[in-house]
C-alpha atoms as a PDB file:
ATOM      1  CA  UNK A   1       0.018  -0.047   0.000  1.00  0.00           C
ATOM      2  CA  UNK A   2       1.357   3.350  -0.890  1.00  0.00           C
ATOM      3  CA  UNK A   3       1.905   6.198   1.475  1.00  0.00           C
ATOM      4  CA  UNK A   4      -0.898   8.328  -0.082  1.00  0.00           C
ATOM      5  CA  UNK A   5      -3.386   5.447   0.294  1.00  0.00           C
ATOM      6  CA  UNK A   6      -2.389   4.794   3.897  1.00  0.00           C
ATOM      7  CA  UNK A   7      -2.795   8.494   4.770  1.00  0.00           C
ATOM      8  CA  UNK A   8      -6.237   8.450   3.101  1.00  0.00           C
ATOM      9  CA  UNK A   9      -7.374   5.527   5.328  1.00  0.00           C
ATOM     10  CA  UNK A  10      -6.109   6.999   8.590  1.00  0.00           C
ATOM     11  CA  UNK A  11      -8.858   8.293  10.787  1.00  0.00           C
ATOM     12  CA  UNK A  12      -9.132  12.120  10.760  1.00  0.00           C
ATOM     13  CA  UNK A  13     -10.025  14.305  13.700  1.00  0.00           C
ATOM     14  CA  UNK A  14     -13.532  15.516  13.366  1.00  0.00           C
ATOM     15  CA  UNK A  15     -13.899  19.271  13.140  1.00  0.00           C
ATOM     16  CA  UNK A  16     -16.483  19.338  15.961  1.00  0.00           C
ATOM     17  CA  UNK A  17     -14.103  17.735  18.526  1.00  0.00           C
ATOM     18  CA  UNK A  18     -11.401  20.363  18.132  1.00  0.00           C
ATOM     19  CA  UNK A  19     -11.477  23.393  20.366  1.00  0.00           C
ATOM     20  CA  UNK A  20     -12.790  26.507  18.724  1.00  0.00           C
ATOM     21  CA  UNK A  21      -9.922  28.553  17.239  1.00  0.00           C
ATOM     22  CA  UNK A  22      -7.399  25.785  17.767  1.00  0.00           C
ATOM     23  CA  UNK A  23      -5.264  25.216  14.782  1.00  0.00           C
ATOM     24  CA  UNK A  24      -3.636  21.904  13.913  1.00  0.00           C
ATOM     25  CA  UNK A  25      -0.246  21.546  15.612  1.00  0.00           C
ATOM     26  CA  UNK A  26      -0.952  24.082  18.420  1.00  0.00           C
ATOM     27  CA  UNK A  27       0.129  23.166  21.960  1.00  0.00           C
ATOM     28  CA  UNK A  28      -1.511  23.799  25.293  1.00  0.00           C
ATOM     29  CA  UNK A  29       0.515  25.927  27.708  1.00  0.00           C
ATOM     30  CA  UNK A  30       1.304  29.458  28.786  1.00  0.00           C
ATOM     31  CA  UNK A  31       3.365  32.121  27.046  1.00  0.00           C
ATOM     32  CA  UNK A  32       6.417  33.760  28.578  1.00  0.00           C
ATOM     33  CA  UNK A  33       4.493  37.001  29.074  1.00  0.00           C
ATOM     34  CA  UNK A  34       1.746  35.273  30.941  1.00  0.00           C
ATOM     35  CA  UNK A  35       4.218  33.630  33.295  1.00  0.00           C
ATOM     36  CA  UNK A  36       6.009  36.971  33.837  1.00  0.00           C
ATOM     37  CA  UNK A  37       2.751  38.640  34.726  1.00  0.00           C
ATOM     38  CA  UNK A  38       1.862  35.885  37.144  1.00  0.00           C
ATOM     39  CA  UNK A  39       5.280  36.133  38.828  1.00  0.00           C
ATOM     40  CA  UNK A  40       4.959  39.953  39.030  1.00  0.00           C
ATOM     41  CA  UNK A  41       1.524  39.613  40.845  1.00  0.00           C
ATOM     42  CA  UNK A  42       2.977  37.047  43.214  1.00  0.00           C
ATOM     43  CA  UNK A  43       5.940  39.313  43.999  1.00  0.00           C
ATOM     44  CA  UNK A  44       3.630  42.224  44.759  1.00  0.00           C
ATOM     45  CA  UNK A  45       1.490  40.141  47.057  1.00  0.00           C
ATOM     46  CA  UNK A  46       4.535  38.787  48.835  1.00  0.00           C
ATOM     47  CA  UNK A  47       5.962  42.325  49.382  1.00  0.00           C
ATOM     48  CA  UNK A  48       2.661  43.268  50.947  1.00  0.00           C
ATOM     49  CA  UNK A  49       2.482  40.165  53.230  1.00  0.00           C
ATOM     50  CA  UNK A  50       6.256  40.064  54.261  1.00  0.00           C
ATOM     51  CA  UNK A  51       6.123  42.751  56.930  1.00  0.00           C
ATOM     52  CA  UNK A  52       3.128  41.220  58.453  1.00  0.00           C
ATOM     53  CA  UNK A  53       4.758  37.765  58.647  1.00  0.00           C
ATOM     54  CA  UNK A  54       7.713  39.350  60.506  1.00  0.00           C
ATOM     55  CA  UNK A  55       5.330  40.935  63.006  1.00  0.00           C
ATOM     56  CA  UNK A  56       3.648  37.650  63.552  1.00  0.00           C
ATOM     57  CA  UNK A  57       6.976  35.969  64.165  1.00  0.00           C
ATOM     58  CA  UNK A  58       7.950  38.662  66.721  1.00  0.00           C
ATOM     59  CA  UNK A  59       4.619  38.226  68.497  1.00  0.00           C
ATOM     60  CA  UNK A  60       4.924  34.413  68.645  1.00  0.00           C
ATOM     61  CA  UNK A  61       8.539  34.686  69.991  1.00  0.00           C
ATOM     62  CA  UNK A  62       7.563  37.100  72.729  1.00  0.00           C
ATOM     63  CA  UNK A  63       4.576  35.082  73.713  1.00  0.00           C
ATOM     64  CA  UNK A  64       6.674  31.808  73.824  1.00  0.00           C
ATOM     65  CA  UNK A  65       9.426  33.518  75.951  1.00  0.00           C
ATOM     66  CA  UNK A  66       6.884  34.956  78.290  1.00  0.00           C
ATOM     67  CA  UNK A  67       5.240  31.590  78.743  1.00  0.00           C
ATOM     68  CA  UNK A  68       8.589  29.980  79.354  1.00  0.00           C
ATOM     69  CA  UNK A  69       9.612  32.628  81.974  1.00  0.00           C
ATOM     70  CA  UNK A  70       6.215  32.144  83.721  1.00  0.00           C
ATOM     71  CA  UNK A  71       6.870  28.409  83.796  1.00  0.00           C
ATOM     72  CA  UNK A  72      10.336  28.920  85.269  1.00  0.00           C
ATOM     73  CA  UNK A  73       8.913  31.188  88.042  1.00  0.00           C
ATOM     74  CA  UNK A  74       6.186  28.609  88.811  1.00  0.00           C
ATOM     75  CA  UNK A  75       8.742  25.839  88.904  1.00  0.00           C
ATOM     76  CA  UNK A  76      10.951  27.793  91.400  1.00  0.00           C
ATOM     77  CA  UNK A  77       7.909  28.283  93.575  1.00  0.00           C
ATOM     78  CA  UNK A  78       7.207  24.542  93.506  1.00  0.00           C
ATOM     79  CA  UNK A  79      10.891  23.678  94.120  1.00  0.00           C
ATOM     80  CA  UNK A  80      10.805  25.948  97.241  1.00  0.00           C
ATOM     81  CA  UNK A  81       7.679  24.203  98.607  1.00  0.00           C
ATOM     82  CA  UNK A  82       8.919  20.611  97.782  1.00  0.00           C
ATOM     83  CA  UNK A  83      12.334  21.151  99.398  1.00  0.00           C
ATOM     84  CA  UNK A  84      10.977  23.240 102.299  1.00  0.00           C
ATOM     85  CA  UNK A  85      13.749  25.774 101.687  1.00  0.00           C
ATOM     86  CA  UNK A  86      14.208  28.919  99.638  1.00  0.00           C
ATOM     87  CA  UNK A  87      14.597  28.997  95.979  1.00  0.00           C
ATOM     88  CA  UNK A  88      15.335  31.850  93.674  1.00  0.00           C
ATOM     89  CA  UNK A  89      15.045  32.743  90.008  1.00  0.00           C
ATOM     90  CA  UNK A  90      18.055  34.650  88.783  1.00  0.00           C
ATOM     91  CA  UNK A  91      17.427  36.791  85.637  1.00  0.00           C
ATOM     92  CA  UNK A  92      20.484  37.832  83.610  1.00  0.00           C
ATOM     93  CA  UNK A  93      19.271  40.678  81.352  1.00  0.00           C
ATOM     94  CA  UNK A  94      22.502  40.949  79.470  1.00  0.00           C
ATOM     95  CA  UNK A  95      22.451  37.256  78.328  1.00  0.00           C
ATOM     96  CA  UNK A  96      18.708  36.941  78.550  1.00  0.00           C
ATOM     97  CA  UNK A  97      18.743  33.868  80.709  1.00  0.00           C
ATOM     98  CA  UNK A  98      16.772  32.618  83.643  1.00  0.00           C
ATOM     99  CA  UNK A  99      17.980  30.079  86.286  1.00  0.00           C
ATOM    100  CA  UNK A 100      16.448  28.389  89.279  1.00  0.00           C
ATOM    101  CA  UNK A 101      18.849  28.041  92.203  1.00  0.00           C
ATOM    102  CA  UNK A 102      17.888  26.126  95.327  1.00  0.00           C
ATOM    103  CA  UNK A 103      20.577  26.067  97.984  1.00  0.00           C
ATOM    104  CA  UNK A 104      23.859  25.268  96.230  1.00  0.00           C
ATOM    105  CA  UNK A 105      22.075  23.513  93.302  1.00  0.00           C
ATOM    106  CA  UNK A 106      21.238  25.032  89.948  1.00  0.00           C
ATOM    107  CA  UNK A 107      17.965  23.284  89.298  1.00  0.00           C
ATOM    108  CA  UNK A 108      17.331  24.771  85.892  1.00  0.00           C
ATOM    109  CA  UNK A 109      19.030  27.176  83.575  1.00  0.00           C
ATOM    110  CA  UNK A 110      17.442  28.382  80.324  1.00  0.00           C
ATOM    111  CA  UNK A 111      18.853  30.656  77.673  1.00  0.00           C
ATOM    112  CA  UNK A 112      15.579  32.302  76.507  1.00  0.00           C
ATOM    113  CA  UNK A 113      17.077  35.162  74.648  1.00  0.00           C
ATOM    114  CA  UNK A 114      19.203  33.377  72.027  1.00  0.00           C
ATOM    115  CA  UNK A 115      16.653  30.580  71.445  1.00  0.00           C
ATOM    116  CA  UNK A 116      13.799  32.943  70.664  1.00  0.00           C
ATOM    117  CA  UNK A 117      15.607  36.232  69.835  1.00  0.00           C
ATOM    118  CA  UNK A 118      14.070  38.252  72.623  1.00  0.00           C
ATOM    119  CA  UNK A 119      15.390  40.796  75.179  1.00  0.00           C
ATOM    120  CA  UNK A 120      14.542  40.511  78.804  1.00  0.00           C
ATOM    121  CA  UNK A 121      14.427  43.436  81.268  1.00  0.00           C
ATOM    122  CA  UNK A 122      13.449  43.075  84.921  1.00  0.00           C
ATOM    123  CA  UNK A 123      13.036  45.551  87.746  1.00  0.00           C
ATOM    124  CA  UNK A 124      14.982  43.091  89.978  1.00  0.00           C
ATOM    125  CA  UNK A 125      17.545  40.472  88.966  1.00  0.00           C
ATOM    126  CA  UNK A 126      16.367  37.957  91.582  1.00  0.00           C
ATOM    127  CA  UNK A 127      12.988  36.609  92.597  1.00  0.00           C
ATOM    128  CA  UNK A 128      13.175  34.679  95.846  1.00  0.00           C
ATOM    129  CA  UNK A 129      10.621  32.162  97.054  1.00  0.00           C
ATOM    130  CA  UNK A 130      10.423  31.027 100.674  1.00  0.00           C
ATOM    131  CA  UNK A 131       9.685  27.513 101.889  1.00  0.00           C
ATOM    132  CA  UNK A 132       5.879  28.221 101.866  1.00  0.00           C
ATOM    133  CA  UNK A 133       6.022  29.326  98.231  1.00  0.00           C
ATOM    134  CA  UNK A 134       5.538  32.990  98.928  1.00  0.00           C
ATOM    135  CA  UNK A 135       7.740  35.583  97.421  1.00  0.00           C
ATOM    136  CA  UNK A 136      10.355  37.264  99.629  1.00  0.00           C
ATOM    137  CA  UNK A 137      11.405  40.844  99.043  1.00  0.00           C
ATOM    138  CA  UNK A 138      10.391  44.417  99.462  1.00  0.00           C
ATOM    139  CA  UNK A 139       8.392  44.883  96.182  1.00  0.00           C
ATOM    140  CA  UNK A 140       6.759  43.319  93.280  1.00  0.00           C
ATOM    141  CA  UNK A 141       8.942  42.334  90.297  1.00  0.00           C
ATOM    142  CA  UNK A 142       7.996  43.064  86.634  1.00  0.00           C
ATOM    143  CA  UNK A 143       9.742  41.364  83.685  1.00  0.00           C
ATOM    144  CA  UNK A 144       9.480  42.763  80.286  1.00  0.00           C
ATOM    145  CA  UNK A 145      10.064  40.540  77.185  1.00  0.00           C
ATOM    146  CA  UNK A 146      10.522  42.399  73.929  1.00  0.00           C
ATOM    147  CA  UNK A 147      11.201  41.615  70.259  1.00  0.00           C
ATOM    148  CA  UNK A 148      10.727  44.112  67.492  1.00  0.00           C
ATOM    149  CA  UNK A 149       7.538  46.070  68.190  1.00  0.00           C
ATOM    150  CA  UNK A 150       6.021  43.372  70.453  1.00  0.00           C
ATOM    151  CA  UNK A 151       6.396  43.310  74.197  1.00  0.00           C
ATOM    152  CA  UNK A 152       4.845  41.367  77.089  1.00  0.00           C
ATOM    153  CA  UNK A 153       5.189  42.157  80.813  1.00  0.00           C
ATOM    154  CA  UNK A 154       4.940  39.652  83.625  1.00  0.00           C
ATOM    155  CA  UNK A 155       4.329  40.711  87.140  1.00  0.00           C
ATOM    156  CA  UNK A 156       5.376  38.662  90.186  1.00  0.00           C
ATOM    157  CA  UNK A 157       3.443  39.659  93.288  1.00  0.00           C
ATOM    158  CA  UNK A 158       4.678  39.629  96.812  1.00  0.00           C
ATOM    159  CA  UNK A 159       2.887  36.383  97.277  1.00  0.00           C
ATOM    160  CA  UNK A 160       4.917  34.837  94.443  1.00  0.00           C
ATOM    161  CA  UNK A 161       2.090  34.603  91.899  1.00  0.00           C
ATOM    162  CA  UNK A 162       2.770  35.430  88.211  1.00  0.00           C
ATOM    163  CA  UNK A 163       0.336  37.384  86.189  1.00  0.00           C
ATOM    164  CA  UNK A 164       0.465  38.885  82.705  1.00  0.00           C
END
């Protein structure tokens, strides 16, 4: 069979099944201009959302650090009551760390600042708990945790309770 006869017998694509305006040999896909426009739109949306994402990250870091410091203060109070002796939380603002010291033992030491990228400022560098779990000292203590434009302040009452 000749090539012309074989081509004549091959099934042809019906005109109705082809997409309107589609020419033979055209391919589905996107042009370079369409892709460039889509990338430009995505870049604009990302530039609008990026500052907000940074703010959310700062807020989450501050909240996590505040929660961790509150847990450290509560743990020190429990250590004092369990050991029936005094326990203290030492806050180092320069290194942004908090440690629980009971007697000669360092029960817990946490580097909150470098882990979460926050700064810690306190009105007193030591919070002391007595054997009953009550705070010792002349005044209340406030601890400020900051990162970027976000800040949380924890207050430790004379009774040793922590509130936000």
